[in-house]
Amino acid sequence: TPYPRVHGYASVNGVGYVGGLRGMARGTPGKWQILSRSAVRQVEQVGDSIWVLYGSGAVDENELRLARRTYDVLAGAAKRQWTSCLSSRGDTVYFGGLGGWAEKTPKRLVEHYPKEMDGQVVTAICAIGDTVWLGTQNGLFRVRGDSVVRFGLGAGLPDPWVTSLVEDYGQVLAGLADGGLVRVRDKVATEPCPTKKVLRLAWWPNGKVIDAEGKTYPFMSLVVGGLDGTWVRNHDRTWRQIDGREATCLTVLGRSLYLGTPQGLREIRG
């Protein structure tokens, strides 16, 4: 990579997009073009578009098919322009921010700021059906229509700081800064986890399973990236460590897992 400490990665038509503490670059190993020197917090790939969240809270959209780059997408379009985290579902991009979130489809931008979340900074966001889950440093919030429910220490959350969220069969898995992994729908249930200090979560299609009728399906392994290493959950629900360094990003593209570390980026093929 053009610099160490990678915070996000995307790839379209063989061209990589690397974001990190020292900026954003495009290219291939040994042939990098620097796009920006501003620190990058996150990179999200949605189809042929690359969304880049900078340390300043600004978000750029790079539409590769049209060779068009839109700077600071929310500026002038949203009441609250500062973004703290990104996620996507289909062609919708979710922007977590201060006191709520915004959703951008190809046709419109909608903002949501529930009064229950006043003053809360969204650290992770995940949409599942008609429910939006919002992680903060003060618990996990579930928003469904006009209903807002907070899960905190009193609800069984081992640690209130939520660092990452992924869907799991209609439920949400939440990684915690110092509490491992929990599963939440209506209640909080702790999950076995090889680290207490979770930073990133991802699903990785790195194997196959055969059902009773002989049909073959891709097996999705849960990947947990922590402050003290990265682990993959096997088919028998045991864990296998694949790296012993801090996980600065996890990106799954096809059957490849891209693991960011303070020293660079690893590609691990399933």
Protein backbone atom coordinates (compact mmCIF):
# COMPACT_ATOMS: atom_id res chain seq x y z
CA THR A 1 0.00 0.00 0.00
CA PRO A 2 1.14 3.64 -0.44
CA TYR A 3 1.20 4.04 3.35
CA PRO A 4 0.64 1.93 6.47
CA ARG A 5 -2.40 1.93 8.78
CA VAL A 6 -5.17 1.23 6.29
CA HIS A 7 -8.68 2.23 7.42
CA GLY A 8 -10.64 1.15 4.34
CA TYR A 9 -10.34 -0.66 1.01
CA ALA A 10 -12.41 -1.09 -2.14
CA SER A 11 -11.71 -2.51 -5.59
CA VAL A 12 -13.44 -2.07 -8.96
CA ASN A 13 -12.21 -3.68 -12.19
CA GLY A 14 -8.87 -4.55 -10.63
CA VAL A 15 -8.17 -1.04 -9.37
CA GLY A 16 -7.81 -0.68 -5.61
CA TYR A 17 -8.85 2.27 -3.47
CA VAL A 18 -6.96 2.54 -0.20
CA GLY A 19 -7.86 4.95 2.59
CA GLY A 20 -5.87 5.45 5.74
CA LEU A 21 -4.38 7.78 8.27
CA ARG A 22 -2.30 9.53 5.60
CA GLY A 23 -4.94 9.93 2.90
CA MET A 24 -6.62 8.22 -0.05
CA ALA A 25 -4.97 6.52 -3.03
CA ARG A 26 -6.02 4.62 -6.15
CA GLY A 27 -4.11 2.04 -8.18
CA THR A 28 -2.34 -1.29 -7.79
CA PRO A 29 0.66 -2.38 -5.70
CA GLY A 30 3.65 -0.32 -6.82
CA LYS A 31 1.55 2.04 -8.95
CA TRP A 32 -0.42 4.29 -6.62
CA GLN A 33 -1.96 7.67 -7.39
CA ILE A 34 -2.56 9.86 -4.33
CA LEU A 35 -6.08 11.31 -4.39
CA SER A 36 -6.05 13.11 -1.06
CA ARG A 37 -3.73 13.77 1.88
CA SER A 38 -6.64 14.06 4.33
CA ALA A 39 -7.02 11.30 6.91
CA VAL A 40 -9.64 8.68 5.97
CA ARG A 41 -11.81 7.02 8.60
CA GLN A 42 -13.79 4.57 6.44
CA VAL A 43 -14.31 3.40 2.84
CA GLU A 44 -17.64 1.87 1.73
CA GLN A 45 -18.20 0.28 -1.69
CA VAL A 46 -21.74 0.37 -3.08
CA GLY A 47 -21.87 -1.13 -6.58
CA ASP A 48 -19.44 0.88 -8.72
CA SER A 49 -19.43 3.81 -6.30
CA ILE A 50 -16.79 4.35 -3.64
CA TRP A 51 -17.83 6.36 -0.58
CA VAL A 52 -15.03 7.88 1.48
CA LEU A 53 -15.49 9.15 5.03
CA TYR A 54 -12.74 11.53 6.11
CA GLY A 55 -11.56 12.30 9.61
CA SER A 56 -13.19 15.72 9.29
CA GLY A 57 -16.62 14.08 9.01
CA ALA A 58 -17.01 14.93 5.31
CA VAL A 59 -18.06 12.21 2.83
CA ASP A 60 -17.09 12.07 -0.86
CA GLU A 61 -18.78 9.87 -3.47
CA ASN A 62 -16.73 8.53 -6.37
CA GLU A 63 -19.02 7.29 -9.17
CA LEU A 64 -16.57 5.27 -11.22
CA ARG A 65 -18.93 4.40 -14.06
CA LEU A 66 -19.51 8.10 -14.74
CA ALA A 67 -15.95 9.13 -13.82
CA ARG A 68 -17.50 11.66 -11.43
CA ARG A 69 -16.48 12.67 -7.92
CA THR A 70 -18.83 14.55 -5.60
CA TYR A 71 -17.11 16.33 -2.75
CA ASP A 72 -18.72 16.55 0.71
CA VAL A 73 -22.02 14.98 -0.36
CA LEU A 74 -24.06 16.18 2.61
CA ALA A 75 -22.90 19.82 2.49
CA GLY A 76 -25.93 21.98 1.71
CA ALA A 77 -28.18 18.91 1.51
CA ALA A 78 -28.46 17.87 5.18
CA LYS A 79 -29.21 19.75 8.39
CA ARG A 80 -26.38 17.92 10.12
CA GLN A 81 -23.50 17.43 7.68
CA TRP A 82 -20.96 15.77 9.98
CA THR A 83 -20.69 11.97 9.58
CA SER A 84 -19.15 9.56 12.07
CA CYS A 85 -19.70 6.20 10.32
CA LEU A 86 -21.03 4.64 7.10
CA SER A 87 -22.86 1.50 6.08
CA SER A 88 -24.96 0.36 3.13
CA ARG A 89 -27.83 -1.96 2.27
CA GLY A 90 -28.65 -2.46 -1.39
CA ASP A 91 -28.33 0.93 -3.07
CA THR A 92 -29.00 2.87 0.16
CA VAL A 93 -26.13 4.48 2.06
CA TYR A 94 -26.51 5.20 5.78
CA PHE A 95 -24.64 8.07 7.42
CA GLY A 96 -24.34 7.90 11.21
CA GLY A 97 -23.84 11.25 12.88
CA LEU A 98 -24.64 13.31 15.96
CA GLY A 99 -28.03 12.40 17.40
CA GLY A 100 -29.20 10.20 14.54
CA TRP A 101 -28.60 9.25 10.95
CA ALA A 102 -29.34 10.02 7.30
CA GLU A 103 -30.29 7.66 4.46
CA LYS A 104 -29.39 8.38 0.84
CA THR A 105 -30.95 6.50 -2.07
CA PRO A 106 -30.30 7.34 -5.74
CA LYS A 107 -33.40 9.57 -5.61
CA ARG A 108 -33.51 11.26 -2.19
CA LEU A 109 -31.91 12.00 1.18
CA VAL A 110 -33.85 11.52 4.44
CA GLU A 111 -32.63 12.48 7.93
CA HIS A 112 -33.69 11.00 11.27
CA TYR A 113 -32.93 12.55 14.65
CA PRO A 114 -34.95 10.86 17.43
CA LYS A 115 -35.11 12.89 20.65
CA GLU A 116 -33.97 9.79 22.56
CA MET A 117 -30.59 10.08 20.80
CA ASP A 118 -29.90 13.74 21.52
CA GLY A 119 -26.19 14.23 22.09
CA GLN A 120 -25.27 10.66 21.10
CA VAL A 121 -22.58 10.10 18.44
CA VAL A 122 -23.32 7.08 16.25
CA THR A 123 -20.30 4.76 16.17
CA ALA A 124 -21.88 1.95 14.07
CA ILE A 125 -25.06 1.60 12.03
CA CYS A 126 -26.88 -1.40 10.55
CA ALA A 127 -30.26 -1.57 8.78
CA ILE A 128 -32.23 -4.85 8.99
CA GLY A 129 -35.62 -4.78 7.28
CA ASP A 130 -37.61 -1.89 8.73
CA THR A 131 -35.31 -1.63 11.76
CA VAL A 132 -32.21 0.54 12.11
CA TRP A 133 -29.65 -0.35 14.78
CA LEU A 134 -27.38 2.43 16.03
CA GLY A 135 -24.32 1.84 18.16
CA THR A 136 -22.99 4.61 20.38
CA GLN A 137 -20.55 4.96 23.28
CA ASN A 138 -23.60 4.89 25.54
CA GLY A 139 -25.40 1.77 24.41
CA LEU A 140 -27.20 0.26 21.43
CA PHE A 141 -30.37 1.86 20.03
CA ARG A 142 -33.06 0.06 18.04
CA VAL A 143 -35.29 2.30 15.92
CA ARG A 144 -38.40 0.81 14.35
CA GLY A 145 -40.87 3.40 13.08
CA ASP A 146 -41.54 5.77 15.99
CA SER A 147 -40.26 3.27 18.56
CA VAL A 148 -36.78 3.85 19.99
CA VAL A 149 -35.38 1.32 22.47
CA ARG A 150 -32.00 1.62 24.15
CA PHE A 151 -30.00 -1.41 25.31
CA GLY A 152 -27.42 -0.52 27.94
CA LEU A 153 -25.78 -2.04 31.00
CA GLY A 154 -29.16 -2.54 32.64
CA ALA A 155 -30.37 -4.59 29.65
CA GLY A 156 -27.36 -6.90 29.88
CA LEU A 157 -24.87 -5.19 27.59
CA PRO A 158 -21.42 -6.01 29.06
CA ASP A 159 -19.97 -2.70 27.83
CA PRO A 160 -21.90 0.35 26.55
CA TRP A 161 -19.42 1.29 23.79
CA VAL A 162 -20.56 -0.34 20.53
CA THR A 163 -17.84 -0.44 17.86
CA SER A 164 -19.38 -2.52 15.06
CA LEU A 165 -22.65 -4.10 13.91
CA VAL A 166 -23.58 -6.85 11.41
CA GLU A 167 -26.83 -8.67 10.61
CA ASP A 168 -27.28 -12.34 11.48
CA TYR A 169 -30.60 -13.91 10.38
CA GLY A 170 -32.69 -10.88 11.28
CA GLN A 171 -30.84 -10.24 14.52
CA VAL A 172 -27.88 -7.95 15.06
CA LEU A 173 -24.41 -8.90 16.28
CA ALA A 174 -22.70 -6.09 18.13
CA GLY A 175 -18.99 -5.82 18.79
CA LEU A 176 -18.05 -3.96 21.97
CA ALA A 177 -14.95 -1.97 22.85
CA ASP A 178 -14.34 -3.96 26.03
CA GLY A 179 -17.15 -6.51 26.21
CA GLY A 180 -16.68 -8.95 23.34
CA LEU A 181 -19.65 -9.89 21.19
CA VAL A 182 -23.41 -9.88 21.84
CA ARG A 183 -26.51 -10.88 19.89
CA VAL A 184 -29.57 -8.64 20.19
CA ARG A 185 -33.17 -8.69 19.00
CA ASP A 186 -35.49 -8.09 21.93
CA LYS A 187 -32.95 -9.15 24.53
CA VAL A 188 -29.17 -9.15 24.88
CA ALA A 189 -27.32 -12.47 24.76
CA THR A 190 -23.56 -12.79 24.98
CA GLU A 191 -21.76 -14.74 22.25
CA PRO A 192 -18.48 -16.67 22.58
CA CYS A 193 -15.70 -14.45 21.27
CA PRO A 194 -11.89 -14.80 21.27
CA THR A 195 -11.33 -11.13 22.19
CA LYS A 196 -13.03 -8.63 24.47
CA LYS A 197 -11.78 -5.62 22.49
CA VAL A 198 -13.75 -5.89 19.23
CA LEU A 199 -13.17 -3.25 16.54
CA ARG A 200 -14.59 -4.77 13.31
CA LEU A 201 -17.03 -7.47 12.24
CA ALA A 202 -17.60 -9.00 8.80
CA TRP A 203 -19.08 -12.03 7.05
CA TRP A 204 -16.70 -13.91 4.73
CA PRO A 205 -17.77 -16.64 2.23
CA ASN A 206 -14.65 -18.80 2.65
CA GLY A 207 -16.01 -22.32 2.38
CA LYS A 208 -18.89 -24.61 1.40
CA VAL A 209 -21.44 -26.73 3.21
CA ILE A 210 -23.47 -29.67 1.85
CA ASP A 211 -27.02 -30.22 3.07
CA ALA A 212 -28.82 -33.55 3.55
CA GLU A 213 -29.95 -33.53 -0.09
CA GLY A 214 -26.41 -33.08 -1.38
CA LYS A 215 -26.83 -29.43 -2.36
CA THR A 216 -23.80 -27.19 -1.91
CA TYR A 217 -24.01 -23.72 -0.39
CA PRO A 218 -21.37 -21.14 0.43
CA PHE A 219 -20.46 -21.07 4.10
CA MET A 220 -20.29 -17.63 5.67
CA SER A 221 -17.66 -17.32 8.38
CA LEU A 222 -17.88 -14.58 10.97
CA VAL A 223 -14.67 -12.55 11.15
CA VAL A 224 -13.86 -10.62 14.32
CA GLY A 225 -11.14 -7.99 14.17
CA GLY A 226 -9.93 -6.74 17.52
CA LEU A 227 -7.32 -4.58 19.15
CA ASP A 228 -5.25 -7.73 19.76
CA GLY A 229 -5.77 -9.67 16.51
CA THR A 230 -8.25 -11.11 14.01
CA TRP A 231 -10.11 -14.42 14.21
CA VAL A 232 -12.37 -16.45 11.89
CA ARG A 233 -15.20 -18.60 13.27
CA ASN A 234 -15.10 -22.09 11.76
CA HIS A 235 -18.03 -24.28 10.73
CA ASP A 236 -17.92 -26.04 14.12
CA ARG A 237 -18.00 -22.61 15.84
CA THR A 238 -14.41 -22.84 17.01
CA TRP A 239 -12.12 -19.88 16.34
CA ARG A 240 -8.94 -19.66 14.28
CA GLN A 241 -6.63 -16.67 14.58
CA ILE A 242 -5.36 -15.33 11.25
CA ASP A 243 -3.43 -12.27 12.45
CA GLY A 244 -2.07 -11.05 15.76
CA ARG A 245 -2.11 -7.31 15.06
CA GLU A 246 -4.76 -4.64 15.52
CA ALA A 247 -7.50 -4.86 12.86
CA THR A 248 -7.86 -1.37 11.38
CA CYS A 249 -10.38 -2.48 8.72
CA LEU A 250 -12.17 -5.56 7.39
CA THR A 251 -13.42 -5.62 3.79
CA VAL A 252 -14.91 -8.63 1.98
CA LEU A 253 -14.90 -8.55 -1.83
CA GLY A 254 -16.01 -11.78 -3.48
CA ARG A 255 -14.15 -14.61 -1.75
CA SER A 256 -11.29 -12.39 -0.59
CA LEU A 257 -10.93 -10.88 2.86
CA TYR A 258 -8.91 -7.68 3.03
CA LEU A 259 -7.50 -7.07 6.48
CA GLY A 260 -6.06 -3.69 7.37
CA THR A 261 -3.38 -3.43 10.04
CA PRO A 262 -1.06 -0.68 11.28
CA GLN A 263 1.52 -2.11 8.86
CA GLY A 264 -0.59 -2.28 5.67
CA LEU A 265 -3.17 -4.54 4.02
CA ARG A 266 -3.43 -8.32 3.73
CA GLU A 267 -5.54 -10.19 1.16
CA ILE A 268 -6.68 -13.63 2.36
CA ARG A 269 -8.50 -15.75 -0.20
CA GLY A 270 -11.27 -18.12 0.81
